[in-house]
């Protein structure tokens, strides 16, 4: 069995006003492949999105980088991407 390299897709939704950040994340999740991790930066902690991710089949990790800086990593449940979000960026 050959391991695929994990691709990291990065978006910054900080400049967007609600509900655009959530819409942008959902748009990218819809296209996210099994070999990809979505990294989203924002100045808010995604409180309205987090409860929905499990129902949608995604796992996540949320990190607070600074007082108003958050990094949300998302991947499809059941893939090996949980801590492997390194690789090429598109």
C-alpha atoms as a PDB file:
ATOM      1  CA  UNK A   1       0.000   0.000   0.000  1.00  0.00           C
ATOM      2  CA  UNK A   2       1.372   3.396  -0.988  1.00  0.00           C
ATOM      3  CA  UNK A   3       0.881   6.409   1.278  1.00  0.00           C
ATOM      4  CA  UNK A   4      -0.301   9.541  -0.468  1.00  0.00           C
ATOM      5  CA  UNK A   5       1.176  12.897   0.399  1.00  0.00           C
ATOM      6  CA  UNK A   6      -1.298  15.080   2.238  1.00  0.00           C
ATOM      7  CA  UNK A   7      -2.080  18.370   0.529  1.00  0.00           C
ATOM      8  CA  UNK A   8      -2.838  21.431   2.617  1.00  0.00           C
ATOM      9  CA  UNK A   9      -5.401  23.900   1.322  1.00  0.00           C
ATOM     10  CA  UNK A  10      -5.126  27.251   3.136  1.00  0.00           C
ATOM     11  CA  UNK A  11      -7.700  30.029   3.243  1.00  0.00           C
ATOM     12  CA  UNK A  12      -7.936  33.217   5.290  1.00  0.00           C
ATOM     13  CA  UNK A  13     -11.485  34.341   6.056  1.00  0.00           C
ATOM     14  CA  UNK A  14     -10.433  37.106   8.452  1.00  0.00           C
ATOM     15  CA  UNK A  15     -11.426  40.009   6.191  1.00  0.00           C
ATOM     16  CA  UNK A  16     -14.921  38.590   5.564  1.00  0.00           C
ATOM     17  CA  UNK A  17     -18.073  39.586   7.461  1.00  0.00           C
ATOM     18  CA  UNK A  18     -20.542  36.959   8.724  1.00  0.00           C
ATOM     19  CA  UNK A  19     -21.920  34.767   7.297  1.00  0.00           C
ATOM     20  CA  UNK A  20     -19.263  34.789   4.545  1.00  0.00           C
ATOM     21  CA  UNK A  21     -16.527  33.001   6.583  1.00  0.00           C
ATOM     22  CA  UNK A  22     -18.782  29.993   7.207  1.00  0.00           C
ATOM     23  CA  UNK A  23     -19.961  29.988   3.589  1.00  0.00           C
ATOM     24  CA  UNK A  24     -16.373  30.033   2.351  1.00  0.00           C
ATOM     25  CA  UNK A  25     -15.377  27.136   4.634  1.00  0.00           C
ATOM     26  CA  UNK A  26     -18.399  25.071   3.573  1.00  0.00           C
ATOM     27  CA  UNK A  27     -17.613  25.710  -0.101  1.00  0.00           C
ATOM     28  CA  UNK A  28     -14.057  24.421   0.382  1.00  0.00           C
ATOM     29  CA  UNK A  29     -15.181  21.434   2.478  1.00  0.00           C
ATOM     30  CA  UNK A  30     -17.502  20.347  -0.314  1.00  0.00           C
ATOM     31  CA  UNK A  31     -14.472  20.028  -2.635  1.00  0.00           C
ATOM     32  CA  UNK A  32     -12.002  18.659  -0.060  1.00  0.00           C
ATOM     33  CA  UNK A  33     -10.391  15.383  -1.098  1.00  0.00           C
ATOM     34  CA  UNK A  34      -9.473  12.476   1.146  1.00  0.00           C
ATOM     35  CA  UNK A  35      -5.812  13.415   0.750  1.00  0.00           C
ATOM     36  CA  UNK A  36      -6.336  17.061   1.754  1.00  0.00           C
ATOM     37  CA  UNK A  37      -6.474  19.112   4.936  1.00  0.00           C
ATOM     38  CA  UNK A  38      -8.182  22.497   4.979  1.00  0.00           C
ATOM     39  CA  UNK A  39      -6.514  25.155   7.148  1.00  0.00           C
ATOM     40  CA  UNK A  40      -8.639  28.219   7.838  1.00  0.00           C
ATOM     41  CA  UNK A  41      -7.487  31.346   9.649  1.00  0.00           C
ATOM     42  CA  UNK A  42      -9.920  33.781  11.210  1.00  0.00           C
ATOM     43  CA  UNK A  43     -10.143  36.327  14.010  1.00  0.00           C
ATOM     44  CA  UNK A  44     -13.073  34.425  15.584  1.00  0.00           C
ATOM     45  CA  UNK A  45     -13.121  30.823  16.893  1.00  0.00           C
ATOM     46  CA  UNK A  46     -15.706  29.333  14.467  1.00  0.00           C
ATOM     47  CA  UNK A  47     -18.242  28.681  17.253  1.00  0.00           C
ATOM     48  CA  UNK A  48     -21.185  28.246  14.875  1.00  0.00           C
ATOM     49  CA  UNK A  49     -19.357  25.884  12.547  1.00  0.00           C
ATOM     50  CA  UNK A  50     -17.717  23.497  15.031  1.00  0.00           C
ATOM     51  CA  UNK A  51     -20.915  21.688  16.157  1.00  0.00           C
ATOM     52  CA  UNK A  52     -21.855  20.936  12.530  1.00  0.00           C
ATOM     53  CA  UNK A  53     -18.553  19.405  11.454  1.00  0.00           C
ATOM     54  CA  UNK A  54     -19.119  15.982  13.003  1.00  0.00           C
ATOM     55  CA  UNK A  55     -22.538  15.680  11.394  1.00  0.00           C
ATOM     56  CA  UNK A  56     -20.920  16.531   8.057  1.00  0.00           C
ATOM     57  CA  UNK A  57     -18.279  13.797   8.396  1.00  0.00           C
ATOM     58  CA  UNK A  58     -15.292  15.994   9.257  1.00  0.00           C
ATOM     59  CA  UNK A  59     -12.839  16.005  12.138  1.00  0.00           C
ATOM     60  CA  UNK A  60     -11.073  19.147  13.223  1.00  0.00           C
ATOM     61  CA  UNK A  61      -8.441  20.735  15.394  1.00  0.00           C
ATOM     62  CA  UNK A  62      -8.757  24.358  16.554  1.00  0.00           C
ATOM     63  CA  UNK A  63      -5.760  26.337  17.752  1.00  0.00           C
ATOM     64  CA  UNK A  64      -5.669  29.857  19.142  1.00  0.00           C
ATOM     65  CA  UNK A  65      -2.555  31.468  17.698  1.00  0.00           C
ATOM     66  CA  UNK A  66      -2.943  34.898  19.326  1.00  0.00           C
ATOM     67  CA  UNK A  67      -5.618  36.951  21.049  1.00  0.00           C
ATOM     68  CA  UNK A  68      -7.652  37.363  17.857  1.00  0.00           C
ATOM     69  CA  UNK A  69      -6.138  34.716  15.631  1.00  0.00           C
ATOM     70  CA  UNK A  70      -7.421  31.176  15.200  1.00  0.00           C
ATOM     71  CA  UNK A  71      -6.364  28.284  12.989  1.00  0.00           C
ATOM     72  CA  UNK A  72      -8.928  25.610  12.196  1.00  0.00           C
ATOM     73  CA  UNK A  73      -7.684  22.409  10.549  1.00  0.00           C
ATOM     74  CA  UNK A  74     -10.312  20.191   8.899  1.00  0.00           C
ATOM     75  CA  UNK A  75     -10.147  16.775   7.275  1.00  0.00           C
ATOM     76  CA  UNK A  76     -12.569  14.031   6.252  1.00  0.00           C
ATOM     77  CA  UNK A  77     -13.232  11.562   9.052  1.00  0.00           C
ATOM     78  CA  UNK A  78     -11.564   8.211   8.518  1.00  0.00           C
ATOM     79  CA  UNK A  79      -8.577   9.541   6.593  1.00  0.00           C
ATOM     80  CA  UNK A  80      -4.986   9.672   7.809  1.00  0.00           C
ATOM     81  CA  UNK A  81      -4.851  13.451   7.629  1.00  0.00           C
ATOM     82  CA  UNK A  82      -5.372  14.332  11.270  1.00  0.00           C
ATOM     83  CA  UNK A  83      -1.832  15.419  12.025  1.00  0.00           C
ATOM     84  CA  UNK A  84      -0.338  15.255   8.555  1.00  0.00           C
ATOM     85  CA  UNK A  85      -1.357  18.610   7.146  1.00  0.00           C
ATOM     86  CA  UNK A  86       2.002  19.155   5.603  1.00  0.00           C
ATOM     87  CA  UNK A  87       2.778  18.926   1.973  1.00  0.00           C
ATOM     88  CA  UNK A  88       1.908  20.971  -1.052  1.00  0.00           C
ATOM     89  CA  UNK A  89      -0.288  24.025  -0.849  1.00  0.00           C
ATOM     90  CA  UNK A  90      -2.785  24.996  -3.467  1.00  0.00           C
END
